[in-house]
Amino acid sequence: MEENGNWKKDRMLGLIRELEDSYETQIGINHVDGLNLPTTESIADIIYDLFRIIFPGFAGNEIVTTSSVHFYVGSIIEGLYGKCIRQITRALQYQCTLDNCENCECKWRATKITIKVLEGVPEIRRLIKLDVHAAYDGDPAAKSYDEIILSYPFIKAITVHRIAHMLYREKVPLIPRMMSEWSHKETGIDIHPGATIGESFFIDHGTGVVIGETTEIGNNVKIYQGVTLGAHSFPKDGKGKLMRGEKRHPTLKNNVTVYSNATILGGRTIIGEYAVIGGNTWITASVEPSTVVSIPQPELCYKKNGTL
């Protein structure tokens, strides 16, 4: 008991002072005296609310009926309007402090972006419907569209991506990546919000998939677990610093299939239409349309009696 008392009086005070000192010297992992930042909890809350209007009757605990859907959607959108403005304003103000803006119009910009995102929800629903159809058509194990929406991690990942990509295109800092990393944690699928993904997209199984920022994916593309669409190298400027904003990740044209654990790298790498990339392949050069790329299979070794 005496030891505990001494720790509170003396050693805990020393610990507090040591931490205070570290906040001054270890710049980069603390945000003391800064503006309020978007919070993970608030962003997750926004995602859940968007899921409730994108998948009414599937997301949330409410029973949605034809007679109640108007009130149901209206109440959620009204809440989302304020939530999005608050979090986007925080993100924009953060960027303003970095850029030393003198005429900050963050609240006004956040309102415009929020309206654009909410008005984009019908288009997101159209795209997600095509993604669900692609999953059903591409997976013989799928019993129904309902099963896909309720249980396939890919649906959660692509829905969050399509929301985050809208915010990314509006140049909202922090929040798009926060959304994508929330989805990554939930699904095991890592899609950077900058990636451009076309219609009727499907990731089968999904675990371990990585899709980089400048990846471009066309329509009717299907990829399997463990696929990496990454950068071959990171270009640097004359001072040795990484050059950002360059095309670093591959392009997959329409109707491409990429099997499990394939790695496709490089901003100049283009996979042509109807190409099939086999499992465990390593691709760093463009592939012509309608080409099948695979690793040669080793010959089977037979015993003298003809059995394996």
C-alpha atoms as a PDB file:
ATOM      1  CA  MET A   1       0.000   0.000   0.000  1.00  0.00           C
ATOM      2  CA  GLU A   2       2.825   2.389   0.860  1.00  0.00           C
ATOM      3  CA  GLU A   3       4.522   1.684  -2.489  1.00  0.00           C
ATOM      4  CA  ASN A   4       1.294   2.522  -4.325  1.00  0.00           C
ATOM      5  CA  GLY A   5       0.972   5.766  -2.409  1.00  0.00           C
ATOM      6  CA  ASN A   6       4.542   6.802  -3.187  1.00  0.00           C
ATOM      7  CA  TRP A   7       4.030   6.036  -6.881  1.00  0.00           C
ATOM      8  CA  LYS A   8       1.020   8.355  -7.018  1.00  0.00           C
ATOM      9  CA  LYS A   9       2.801  11.143  -5.177  1.00  0.00           C
ATOM     10  CA  ASP A  10       6.260  11.009  -6.724  1.00  0.00           C
ATOM     11  CA  ARG A  11       6.752   8.659  -9.656  1.00  0.00           C
ATOM     12  CA  MET A  12       3.408   9.403 -11.356  1.00  0.00           C
ATOM     13  CA  LEU A  13       4.219  13.129 -11.214  1.00  0.00           C
ATOM     14  CA  GLY A  14       7.566  12.422 -12.848  1.00  0.00           C
ATOM     15  CA  LEU A  15       5.865  10.362 -15.552  1.00  0.00           C
ATOM     16  CA  ILE A  16       3.437  13.191 -16.291  1.00  0.00           C
ATOM     17  CA  ARG A  17       6.301  15.674 -16.646  1.00  0.00           C
ATOM     18  CA  GLU A  18       8.229  13.292 -18.897  1.00  0.00           C
ATOM     19  CA  LEU A  19       5.227  12.921 -21.181  1.00  0.00           C
ATOM     20  CA  GLU A  20       4.719  16.684 -21.259  1.00  0.00           C
ATOM     21  CA  ASP A  21       8.329  17.129 -22.362  1.00  0.00           C
ATOM     22  CA  SER A  22       7.908  14.503 -25.086  1.00  0.00           C
ATOM     23  CA  TYR A  23       4.978  16.438 -26.534  1.00  0.00           C
ATOM     24  CA  GLU A  24       7.346  19.305 -27.219  1.00  0.00           C
ATOM     25  CA  THR A  25      10.222  17.288 -28.666  1.00  0.00           C
ATOM     26  CA  GLN A  26       8.516  14.418 -30.516  1.00  0.00           C
ATOM     27  CA  ILE A  27       6.608  16.455 -33.069  1.00  0.00           C
ATOM     28  CA  GLY A  28       4.611  14.301 -35.466  1.00  0.00           C
ATOM     29  CA  ILE A  29       2.765  11.934 -33.133  1.00  0.00           C
ATOM     30  CA  ASN A  30       0.803  14.461 -31.091  1.00  0.00           C
ATOM     31  CA  HIS A  31      -1.669  17.194 -31.982  1.00  0.00           C
ATOM     32  CA  VAL A  32      -1.438  19.552 -29.008  1.00  0.00           C
ATOM     33  CA  ASP A  33      -2.809  23.099 -29.532  1.00  0.00           C
ATOM     34  CA  GLY A  34      -4.252  22.084 -32.916  1.00  0.00           C
ATOM     35  CA  LEU A  35      -7.806  22.294 -34.191  1.00  0.00           C
ATOM     36  CA  ASN A  36     -10.229  19.456 -33.571  1.00  0.00           C
ATOM     37  CA  LEU A  37      -9.639  16.675 -36.082  1.00  0.00           C
ATOM     38  CA  PRO A  38     -12.177  14.242 -37.546  1.00  0.00           C
ATOM     39  CA  THR A  39     -12.581  11.263 -35.234  1.00  0.00           C
ATOM     40  CA  THR A  40     -12.656   7.598 -36.168  1.00  0.00           C
ATOM     41  CA  GLU A  41     -15.864   7.122 -34.185  1.00  0.00           C
ATOM     42  CA  SER A  42     -17.641   9.940 -36.014  1.00  0.00           C
ATOM     43  CA  ILE A  43     -16.509   8.706 -39.439  1.00  0.00           C
ATOM     44  CA  ALA A  44     -17.683   5.175 -38.619  1.00  0.00           C
ATOM     45  CA  ASP A  45     -21.049   6.633 -37.538  1.00  0.00           C
ATOM     46  CA  ILE A  46     -21.368   8.408 -40.898  1.00  0.00           C
ATOM     47  CA  ILE A  47     -20.540   5.171 -42.735  1.00  0.00           C
ATOM     48  CA  TYR A  48     -23.217   3.279 -40.775  1.00  0.00           C
ATOM     49  CA  ASP A  49     -25.819   5.934 -41.570  1.00  0.00           C
ATOM     50  CA  LEU A  50     -24.924   5.853 -45.275  1.00  0.00           C
ATOM     51  CA  PHE A  51     -25.233   2.068 -45.234  1.00  0.00           C
ATOM     52  CA  ARG A  52     -28.737   2.433 -43.774  1.00  0.00           C
ATOM     53  CA  ILE A  53     -29.924   4.448 -46.793  1.00  0.00           C
ATOM     54  CA  ILE A  54     -27.895   2.505 -49.362  1.00  0.00           C
ATOM     55  CA  PHE A  55     -29.127  -0.859 -48.026  1.00  0.00           C
ATOM     56  CA  PRO A  56     -32.486  -0.101 -46.343  1.00  0.00           C
ATOM     57  CA  GLY A  57     -33.792  -3.166 -44.545  1.00  0.00           C
ATOM     58  CA  PHE A  58     -30.332  -4.793 -44.579  1.00  0.00           C
ATOM     59  CA  ALA A  59     -28.374  -2.292 -42.478  1.00  0.00           C
ATOM     60  CA  GLY A  60     -29.752  -1.093 -39.160  1.00  0.00           C
ATOM     61  CA  ASN A  61     -32.391  -2.558 -36.869  1.00  0.00           C
ATOM     62  CA  GLU A  62     -35.421  -0.766 -38.280  1.00  0.00           C
ATOM     63  CA  ILE A  63     -38.137  -2.510 -40.264  1.00  0.00           C
ATOM     64  CA  VAL A  64     -38.489  -0.439 -43.435  1.00  0.00           C
ATOM     65  CA  THR A  65     -41.848  -0.445 -45.207  1.00  0.00           C
ATOM     66  CA  THR A  66     -43.161   1.294 -48.300  1.00  0.00           C
ATOM     67  CA  SER A  67     -45.275   3.569 -46.118  1.00  0.00           C
ATOM     68  CA  SER A  68     -42.410   4.489 -43.763  1.00  0.00           C
ATOM     69  CA  VAL A  69     -39.490   4.744 -46.185  1.00  0.00           C
ATOM     70  CA  HIS A  70     -39.949   8.489 -46.825  1.00  0.00           C
ATOM     71  CA  PHE A  71     -39.705   9.339 -43.126  1.00  0.00           C
ATOM     72  CA  TYR A  72     -36.946   6.745 -42.631  1.00  0.00           C
ATOM     73  CA  VAL A  73     -34.683   8.148 -45.351  1.00  0.00           C
ATOM     74  CA  GLY A  74     -35.505  11.764 -44.509  1.00  0.00           C
ATOM     75  CA  SER A  75     -34.562  11.432 -40.846  1.00  0.00           C
ATOM     76  CA  ILE A  76     -31.240   9.754 -41.672  1.00  0.00           C
ATOM     77  CA  ILE A  77     -30.299  12.313 -44.337  1.00  0.00           C
ATOM     78  CA  GLU A  78     -31.156  15.188 -42.012  1.00  0.00           C
ATOM     79  CA  GLY A  79     -28.777  13.770 -39.405  1.00  0.00           C
ATOM     80  CA  LEU A  80     -26.091  12.987 -41.979  1.00  0.00           C
ATOM     81  CA  TYR A  81     -26.210  16.539 -43.282  1.00  0.00           C
ATOM     82  CA  GLY A  82     -25.020  17.956 -39.954  1.00  0.00           C
ATOM     83  CA  LYS A  83     -22.595  15.120 -39.176  1.00  0.00           C
ATOM     84  CA  CYS A  84     -20.853  15.373 -42.547  1.00  0.00           C
ATOM     85  CA  ILE A  85     -20.548  19.152 -42.427  1.00  0.00           C
ATOM     86  CA  ARG A  86     -18.938  19.010 -38.972  1.00  0.00           C
ATOM     87  CA  GLN A  87     -16.384  16.347 -39.848  1.00  0.00           C
ATOM     88  CA  ILE A  88     -15.538  17.717 -43.309  1.00  0.00           C
ATOM     89  CA  THR A  89     -15.141  21.217 -41.847  1.00  0.00           C
ATOM     90  CA  ARG A  90     -12.638  19.856 -39.332  1.00  0.00           C
ATOM     91  CA  ALA A  91     -10.678  18.145 -42.106  1.00  0.00           C
ATOM     92  CA  LEU A  92     -10.637  21.268 -44.288  1.00  0.00           C
ATOM     93  CA  GLN A  93      -9.603  23.484 -41.375  1.00  0.00           C
ATOM     94  CA  TYR A  94      -6.736  21.109 -40.689  1.00  0.00           C
ATOM     95  CA  GLN A  95      -5.561  21.577 -44.285  1.00  0.00           C
ATOM     96  CA  CYS A  96      -5.948  25.338 -43.983  1.00  0.00           C
ATOM     97  CA  THR A  97      -3.591  25.442 -41.003  1.00  0.00           C
ATOM     98  CA  LEU A  98      -0.998  23.558 -43.074  1.00  0.00           C
ATOM     99  CA  ASP A  99      -1.431  25.904 -46.048  1.00  0.00           C
ATOM    100  CA  ASN A 100      -1.608  29.070 -43.901  1.00  0.00           C
ATOM    101  CA  CYS A 101      -4.873  30.146 -45.564  1.00  0.00           C
ATOM    102  CA  GLU A 102      -5.901  33.723 -44.770  1.00  0.00           C
ATOM    103  CA  ASN A 103      -9.480  33.583 -46.098  1.00  0.00           C
ATOM    104  CA  CYS A 104     -10.793  30.333 -44.692  1.00  0.00           C
ATOM    105  CA  GLU A 105     -14.144  29.251 -46.129  1.00  0.00           C
ATOM    106  CA  CYS A 106     -14.073  25.729 -44.751  1.00  0.00           C
ATOM    107  CA  LYS A 107     -17.649  25.644 -43.462  1.00  0.00           C
ATOM    108  CA  TRP A 108     -18.986  26.858 -46.804  1.00  0.00           C
ATOM    109  CA  ARG A 109     -16.890  24.309 -48.735  1.00  0.00           C
ATOM    110  CA  ALA A 110     -17.875  21.532 -46.327  1.00  0.00           C
ATOM    111  CA  THR A 111     -21.553  22.303 -46.915  1.00  0.00           C
ATOM    112  CA  LYS A 112     -21.143  22.163 -50.701  1.00  0.00           C
ATOM    113  CA  ILE A 113     -19.223  18.886 -50.505  1.00  0.00           C
ATOM    114  CA  THR A 114     -21.787  17.370 -48.137  1.00  0.00           C
ATOM    115  CA  ILE A 115     -24.627  18.232 -50.501  1.00  0.00           C
ATOM    116  CA  LYS A 116     -22.699  16.733 -53.427  1.00  0.00           C
ATOM    117  CA  VAL A 117     -22.011  13.510 -51.519  1.00  0.00           C
ATOM    118  CA  LEU A 118     -25.615  13.103 -50.362  1.00  0.00           C
ATOM    119  CA  GLU A 119     -26.922  13.813 -53.860  1.00  0.00           C
ATOM    120  CA  GLY A 120     -24.479  11.166 -55.127  1.00  0.00           C
ATOM    121  CA  VAL A 121     -26.020   8.373 -53.024  1.00  0.00           C
ATOM    122  CA  PRO A 122     -28.508   7.299 -55.752  1.00  0.00           C
ATOM    123  CA  GLU A 123     -25.599   6.828 -58.177  1.00  0.00           C
ATOM    124  CA  ILE A 124     -23.677   4.851 -55.549  1.00  0.00           C
ATOM    125  CA  ARG A 125     -26.755   2.623 -55.129  1.00  0.00           C
ATOM    126  CA  ARG A 126     -26.850   2.046 -58.890  1.00  0.00           C
ATOM    127  CA  LEU A 127     -23.185   1.023 -58.928  1.00  0.00           C
ATOM    128  CA  ILE A 128     -23.494  -1.197 -55.850  1.00  0.00           C
ATOM    129  CA  LYS A 129     -26.480  -2.973 -57.414  1.00  0.00           C
ATOM    130  CA  LEU A 130     -24.272  -3.808 -60.411  1.00  0.00           C
ATOM    131  CA  ASP A 131     -21.497  -4.981 -58.068  1.00  0.00           C
ATOM    132  CA  VAL A 132     -23.929  -7.281 -56.248  1.00  0.00           C
ATOM    133  CA  HIS A 133     -25.096  -8.700 -59.592  1.00  0.00           C
ATOM    134  CA  ALA A 134     -21.448  -9.248 -60.607  1.00  0.00           C
ATOM    135  CA  ALA A 135     -20.827 -11.149 -57.371  1.00  0.00           C
ATOM    136  CA  TYR A 136     -23.865 -13.346 -57.927  1.00  0.00           C
ATOM    137  CA  ASP A 137     -22.942 -14.041 -61.556  1.00  0.00           C
ATOM    138  CA  GLY A 138     -19.290 -14.646 -60.661  1.00  0.00           C
ATOM    139  CA  ASP A 139     -19.667 -16.931 -57.657  1.00  0.00           C
ATOM    140  CA  PRO A 140     -21.585 -20.207 -58.026  1.00  0.00           C
ATOM    141  CA  ALA A 141     -21.545 -20.558 -54.228  1.00  0.00           C
ATOM    142  CA  ALA A 142     -23.768 -17.488 -53.856  1.00  0.00           C
ATOM    143  CA  LYS A 143     -27.332 -18.521 -53.020  1.00  0.00           C
ATOM    144  CA  SER A 144     -28.989 -15.113 -53.316  1.00  0.00           C
ATOM    145  CA  TYR A 145     -28.430 -11.382 -53.581  1.00  0.00           C
ATOM    146  CA  ASP A 146     -29.487 -11.094 -49.933  1.00  0.00           C
ATOM    147  CA  GLU A 147     -26.721 -13.454 -48.859  1.00  0.00           C
ATOM    148  CA  ILE A 148     -24.156 -11.395 -50.781  1.00  0.00           C
ATOM    149  CA  ILE A 149     -25.260  -8.095 -49.236  1.00  0.00           C
ATOM    150  CA  LEU A 150     -25.387  -9.502 -45.716  1.00  0.00           C
ATOM    151  CA  SER A 151     -22.232 -11.603 -45.676  1.00  0.00           C
ATOM    152  CA  TYR A 152     -19.721 -10.817 -48.435  1.00  0.00           C
ATOM    153  CA  PRO A 153     -16.902  -8.558 -47.151  1.00  0.00           C
ATOM    154  CA  PHE A 154     -16.398  -7.278 -50.677  1.00  0.00           C
ATOM    155  CA  ILE A 155     -19.769  -5.484 -50.616  1.00  0.00           C
ATOM    156  CA  LYS A 156     -18.830  -3.561 -47.490  1.00  0.00           C
ATOM    157  CA  ALA A 157     -15.409  -2.726 -48.956  1.00  0.00           C
ATOM    158  CA  ILE A 158     -16.638  -1.516 -52.346  1.00  0.00           C
ATOM    159  CA  THR A 159     -19.472   0.509 -50.799  1.00  0.00           C
ATOM    160  CA  VAL A 160     -17.100   2.345 -48.483  1.00  0.00           C
ATOM    161  CA  HIS A 161     -14.688   2.839 -51.376  1.00  0.00           C
ATOM    162  CA  ARG A 162     -17.303   4.413 -53.608  1.00  0.00           C
ATOM    163  CA  ILE A 163     -18.183   6.855 -50.818  1.00  0.00           C
ATOM    164  CA  ALA A 164     -14.551   7.608 -49.953  1.00  0.00           C
ATOM    165  CA  HIS A 165     -13.653   8.079 -53.625  1.00  0.00           C
ATOM    166  CA  MET A 166     -16.234  10.872 -53.924  1.00  0.00           C
ATOM    167  CA  LEU A 167     -14.623  12.685 -50.994  1.00  0.00           C
ATOM    168  CA  TYR A 168     -11.147  12.029 -52.419  1.00  0.00           C
ATOM    169  CA  ARG A 169     -12.140  13.632 -55.720  1.00  0.00           C
ATOM    170  CA  GLU A 170     -13.377  16.663 -53.775  1.00  0.00           C
ATOM    171  CA  LYS A 171      -9.889  16.891 -52.213  1.00  0.00           C
ATOM    172  CA  VAL A 172     -11.141  16.374 -48.659  1.00  0.00           C
ATOM    173  CA  PRO A 173      -8.093  15.579 -46.497  1.00  0.00           C
ATOM    174  CA  LEU A 174      -7.936  12.787 -43.889  1.00  0.00           C
ATOM    175  CA  ILE A 175     -11.512  11.472 -44.112  1.00  0.00           C
ATOM    176  CA  PRO A 176     -11.278   9.365 -47.307  1.00  0.00           C
ATOM    177  CA  ARG A 177      -8.267   7.489 -45.966  1.00  0.00           C
ATOM    178  CA  MET A 178      -9.894   7.114 -42.564  1.00  0.00           C
ATOM    179  CA  MET A 179     -12.874   5.515 -44.286  1.00  0.00           C
ATOM    180  CA  SER A 180     -10.746   3.157 -46.367  1.00  0.00           C
ATOM    181  CA  GLU A 181      -8.716   2.044 -43.349  1.00  0.00           C
ATOM    182  CA  TRP A 182     -11.898   1.447 -41.357  1.00  0.00           C
ATOM    183  CA  SER A 183     -13.051  -0.770 -44.216  1.00  0.00           C
ATOM    184  CA  HIS A 184      -9.634  -2.451 -44.373  1.00  0.00           C
ATOM    185  CA  LYS A 185      -9.890  -3.362 -40.701  1.00  0.00           C
ATOM    186  CA  GLU A 186     -13.436  -4.652 -41.146  1.00  0.00           C
ATOM    187  CA  THR A 187     -12.887  -6.705 -44.315  1.00  0.00           C
ATOM    188  CA  GLY A 188      -9.194  -7.393 -44.887  1.00  0.00           C
ATOM    189  CA  ILE A 189      -9.519  -5.613 -48.257  1.00  0.00           C
ATOM    190  CA  ASP A 190      -7.276  -2.559 -48.685  1.00  0.00           C
ATOM    191  CA  ILE A 191      -8.527  -0.168 -51.389  1.00  0.00           C
ATOM    192  CA  HIS A 192      -6.999   3.300 -51.484  1.00  0.00           C
ATOM    193  CA  PRO A 193      -9.744   5.930 -51.912  1.00  0.00           C
ATOM    194  CA  GLY A 194      -7.929   7.343 -54.946  1.00  0.00           C
ATOM    195  CA  ALA A 195      -8.347   4.158 -56.998  1.00  0.00           C
ATOM    196  CA  THR A 196     -10.781   4.474 -59.919  1.00  0.00           C
ATOM    197  CA  ILE A 197     -13.089   1.444 -60.187  1.00  0.00           C
ATOM    198  CA  GLY A 198     -15.661   0.891 -62.913  1.00  0.00           C
ATOM    199  CA  GLU A 199     -19.030  -0.849 -62.960  1.00  0.00           C
ATOM    200  CA  SER A 200     -19.818  -4.491 -62.105  1.00  0.00           C
ATOM    201  CA  PHE A 201     -16.676  -5.050 -60.043  1.00  0.00           C
ATOM    202  CA  PHE A 202     -16.205  -8.190 -57.941  1.00  0.00           C
ATOM    203  CA  ILE A 203     -13.558  -9.354 -55.465  1.00  0.00           C
ATOM    204  CA  ASP A 204     -14.079 -13.036 -54.647  1.00  0.00           C
ATOM    205  CA  HIS A 205     -13.180 -13.973 -51.051  1.00  0.00           C
ATOM    206  CA  GLY A 206     -11.235 -10.723 -50.699  1.00  0.00           C
ATOM    207  CA  THR A 207      -8.729 -11.386 -47.921  1.00  0.00           C
ATOM    208  CA  GLY A 208      -5.376  -9.723 -48.535  1.00  0.00           C
ATOM    209  CA  VAL A 209      -6.348  -7.717 -51.620  1.00  0.00           C
ATOM    210  CA  VAL A 210      -4.417  -4.433 -52.009  1.00  0.00           C
ATOM    211  CA  ILE A 211      -5.394  -1.789 -54.588  1.00  0.00           C
ATOM    212  CA  GLY A 212      -3.151   1.275 -54.773  1.00  0.00           C
ATOM    213  CA  GLU A 213      -4.023   4.936 -55.099  1.00  0.00           C
ATOM    214  CA  THR A 214      -3.567   5.459 -58.848  1.00  0.00           C
ATOM    215  CA  THR A 215      -4.988   2.097 -59.943  1.00  0.00           C
ATOM    216  CA  GLU A 216      -7.555   2.277 -62.753  1.00  0.00           C
ATOM    217  CA  ILE A 217     -10.030  -0.587 -63.098  1.00  0.00           C
ATOM    218  CA  GLY A 218     -12.537  -0.867 -65.938  1.00  0.00           C
ATOM    219  CA  ASN A 219     -15.947  -2.504 -66.085  1.00  0.00           C
ATOM    220  CA  ASN A 220     -16.709  -6.189 -65.411  1.00  0.00           C
ATOM    221  CA  VAL A 221     -13.388  -6.884 -63.703  1.00  0.00           C
ATOM    222  CA  LYS A 222     -13.045  -9.796 -61.279  1.00  0.00           C
ATOM    223  CA  ILE A 223     -10.147 -10.390 -58.902  1.00  0.00           C
ATOM    224  CA  TYR A 224      -9.509 -12.998 -56.232  1.00  0.00           C
ATOM    225  CA  GLN A 225      -7.952 -13.042 -52.767  1.00  0.00           C
ATOM    226  CA  GLY A 226      -4.363 -12.004 -52.214  1.00  0.00           C
ATOM    227  CA  VAL A 227      -4.098  -9.870 -55.362  1.00  0.00           C
ATOM    228  CA  THR A 228      -1.855  -6.798 -55.216  1.00  0.00           C
ATOM    229  CA  LEU A 229      -2.247  -3.912 -57.644  1.00  0.00           C
ATOM    230  CA  GLY A 230       0.755  -1.933 -56.517  1.00  0.00           C
ATOM    231  CA  ALA A 231       3.655   0.343 -57.405  1.00  0.00           C
ATOM    232  CA  HIS A 232       6.766  -1.038 -59.077  1.00  0.00           C
ATOM    233  CA  SER A 233       8.973   1.776 -57.814  1.00  0.00           C
ATOM    234  CA  PHE A 234       8.640   5.153 -56.147  1.00  0.00           C
ATOM    235  CA  PRO A 235      10.032   8.013 -58.296  1.00  0.00           C
ATOM    236  CA  LYS A 236      12.026  10.663 -56.431  1.00  0.00           C
ATOM    237  CA  ASP A 237      12.847  14.267 -57.246  1.00  0.00           C
ATOM    238  CA  GLY A 238      16.290  15.848 -57.444  1.00  0.00           C
ATOM    239  CA  LYS A 239      16.443  16.116 -53.651  1.00  0.00           C
ATOM    240  CA  GLY A 240      15.685  12.438 -53.136  1.00  0.00           C
ATOM    241  CA  LYS A 241      12.138  13.015 -51.905  1.00  0.00           C
ATOM    242  CA  LEU A 242       9.225  10.905 -53.095  1.00  0.00           C
ATOM    243  CA  MET A 243       7.270  12.444 -55.965  1.00  0.00           C
ATOM    244  CA  ARG A 244       3.578  12.358 -55.135  1.00  0.00           C
ATOM    245  CA  GLY A 245       0.701  12.462 -57.585  1.00  0.00           C
ATOM    246  CA  GLU A 246       2.445  10.343 -60.232  1.00  0.00           C
ATOM    247  CA  LYS A 247       0.746   7.340 -61.878  1.00  0.00           C
ATOM    248  CA  ARG A 248       2.320   4.488 -59.906  1.00  0.00           C
ATOM    249  CA  HIS A 249      -0.221   1.681 -60.101  1.00  0.00           C
ATOM    250  CA  PRO A 250      -1.509  -0.473 -62.972  1.00  0.00           C
ATOM    251  CA  THR A 251      -4.517  -0.133 -65.241  1.00  0.00           C
ATOM    252  CA  LEU A 252      -6.926  -3.050 -65.748  1.00  0.00           C
ATOM    253  CA  LYS A 253      -9.149  -2.693 -68.786  1.00  0.00           C
ATOM    254  CA  ASN A 254     -12.693  -4.062 -69.116  1.00  0.00           C
ATOM    255  CA  ASN A 255     -13.444  -7.745 -68.517  1.00  0.00           C
ATOM    256  CA  VAL A 256     -10.091  -8.642 -66.943  1.00  0.00           C
ATOM    257  CA  THR A 257      -9.818 -11.554 -64.484  1.00  0.00           C
ATOM    258  CA  VAL A 258      -6.973 -11.747 -61.945  1.00  0.00           C
ATOM    259  CA  TYR A 259      -6.585 -14.952 -59.958  1.00  0.00           C
ATOM    260  CA  SER A 260      -5.383 -15.376 -56.380  1.00  0.00           C
ATOM    261  CA  ASN A 261      -2.043 -14.040 -55.156  1.00  0.00           C
ATOM    262  CA  ALA A 262      -1.132 -12.404 -58.459  1.00  0.00           C
ATOM    263  CA  THR A 263       0.965  -9.227 -58.187  1.00  0.00           C
ATOM    264  CA  ILE A 264       0.641  -6.524 -60.853  1.00  0.00           C
ATOM    265  CA  LEU A 265       2.937  -3.534 -60.476  1.00  0.00           C
ATOM    266  CA  GLY A 266       3.696  -0.220 -62.129  1.00  0.00           C
ATOM    267  CA  GLY A 267       1.946   2.856 -63.472  1.00  0.00           C
ATOM    268  CA  ARG A 268       2.810   1.960 -67.065  1.00  0.00           C
ATOM    269  CA  THR A 269       1.478  -1.578 -66.750  1.00  0.00           C
ATOM    270  CA  ILE A 270      -1.768  -2.009 -68.679  1.00  0.00           C
ATOM    271  CA  ILE A 271      -3.715  -5.260 -68.632  1.00  0.00           C
ATOM    272  CA  GLY A 272      -5.715  -5.414 -71.866  1.00  0.00           C
ATOM    273  CA  GLU A 273      -9.384  -6.274 -72.228  1.00  0.00           C
ATOM    274  CA  TYR A 274     -10.407  -9.895 -71.598  1.00  0.00           C
ATOM    275  CA  ALA A 275      -6.913 -10.777 -70.352  1.00  0.00           C
ATOM    276  CA  VAL A 276      -6.637 -13.474 -67.680  1.00  0.00           C
ATOM    277  CA  ILE A 277      -3.839 -13.230 -65.108  1.00  0.00           C
ATOM    278  CA  GLY A 278      -3.126 -16.558 -63.449  1.00  0.00           C
ATOM    279  CA  GLY A 279      -2.517 -17.128 -59.763  1.00  0.00           C
ATOM    280  CA  ASN A 280       0.870 -16.405 -58.165  1.00  0.00           C
ATOM    281  CA  THR A 281       2.120 -14.491 -61.208  1.00  0.00           C
ATOM    282  CA  TRP A 282       4.360 -11.408 -61.009  1.00  0.00           C
ATOM    283  CA  ILE A 283       3.497  -8.830 -63.688  1.00  0.00           C
ATOM    284  CA  THR A 284       5.554  -5.680 -64.306  1.00  0.00           C
ATOM    285  CA  ALA A 285       4.867  -5.157 -68.026  1.00  0.00           C
ATOM    286  CA  SER A 286       1.718  -4.620 -70.059  1.00  0.00           C
ATOM    287  CA  VAL A 287      -0.361  -7.588 -71.203  1.00  0.00           C
ATOM    288  CA  GLU A 288      -2.105  -7.669 -74.573  1.00  0.00           C
ATOM    289  CA  PRO A 289      -5.906  -8.049 -74.737  1.00  0.00           C
ATOM    290  CA  SER A 290      -7.333 -11.591 -74.603  1.00  0.00           C
ATOM    291  CA  THR A 291      -4.022 -12.988 -73.307  1.00  0.00           C
ATOM    292  CA  VAL A 292      -3.715 -15.675 -70.630  1.00  0.00           C
ATOM    293  CA  VAL A 293      -0.689 -15.269 -68.365  1.00  0.00           C
ATOM    294  CA  SER A 294       0.211 -18.158 -66.064  1.00  0.00           C
ATOM    295  CA  ILE A 295       3.133 -19.850 -64.374  1.00  0.00           C
ATOM    296  CA  PRO A 296       4.168 -23.042 -66.217  1.00  0.00           C
ATOM    297  CA  GLN A 297       3.003 -26.089 -64.315  1.00  0.00           C
ATOM    298  CA  PRO A 298       5.673 -28.609 -63.289  1.00  0.00           C
ATOM    299  CA  GLU A 299       5.311 -32.028 -64.864  1.00  0.00           C
ATOM    300  CA  LEU A 300       3.709 -34.604 -62.617  1.00  0.00           C
ATOM    301  CA  CYS A 301       6.057 -37.321 -61.360  1.00  0.00           C
ATOM    302  CA  TYR A 302       4.682 -40.847 -61.684  1.00  0.00           C
ATOM    303  CA  LYS A 303       5.832 -44.028 -60.006  1.00  0.00           C
ATOM    304  CA  LYS A 304       6.743 -46.947 -62.196  1.00  0.00           C
ATOM    305  CA  ASN A 305       3.310 -48.513 -61.760  1.00  0.00           C
ATOM    306  CA  GLY A 306       1.651 -45.426 -63.173  1.00  0.00           C
ATOM    307  CA  THR A 307       0.198 -44.084 -59.925  1.00  0.00           C
ATOM    308  CA  LEU A 308       1.172 -40.837 -58.255  1.00  0.00           C
END
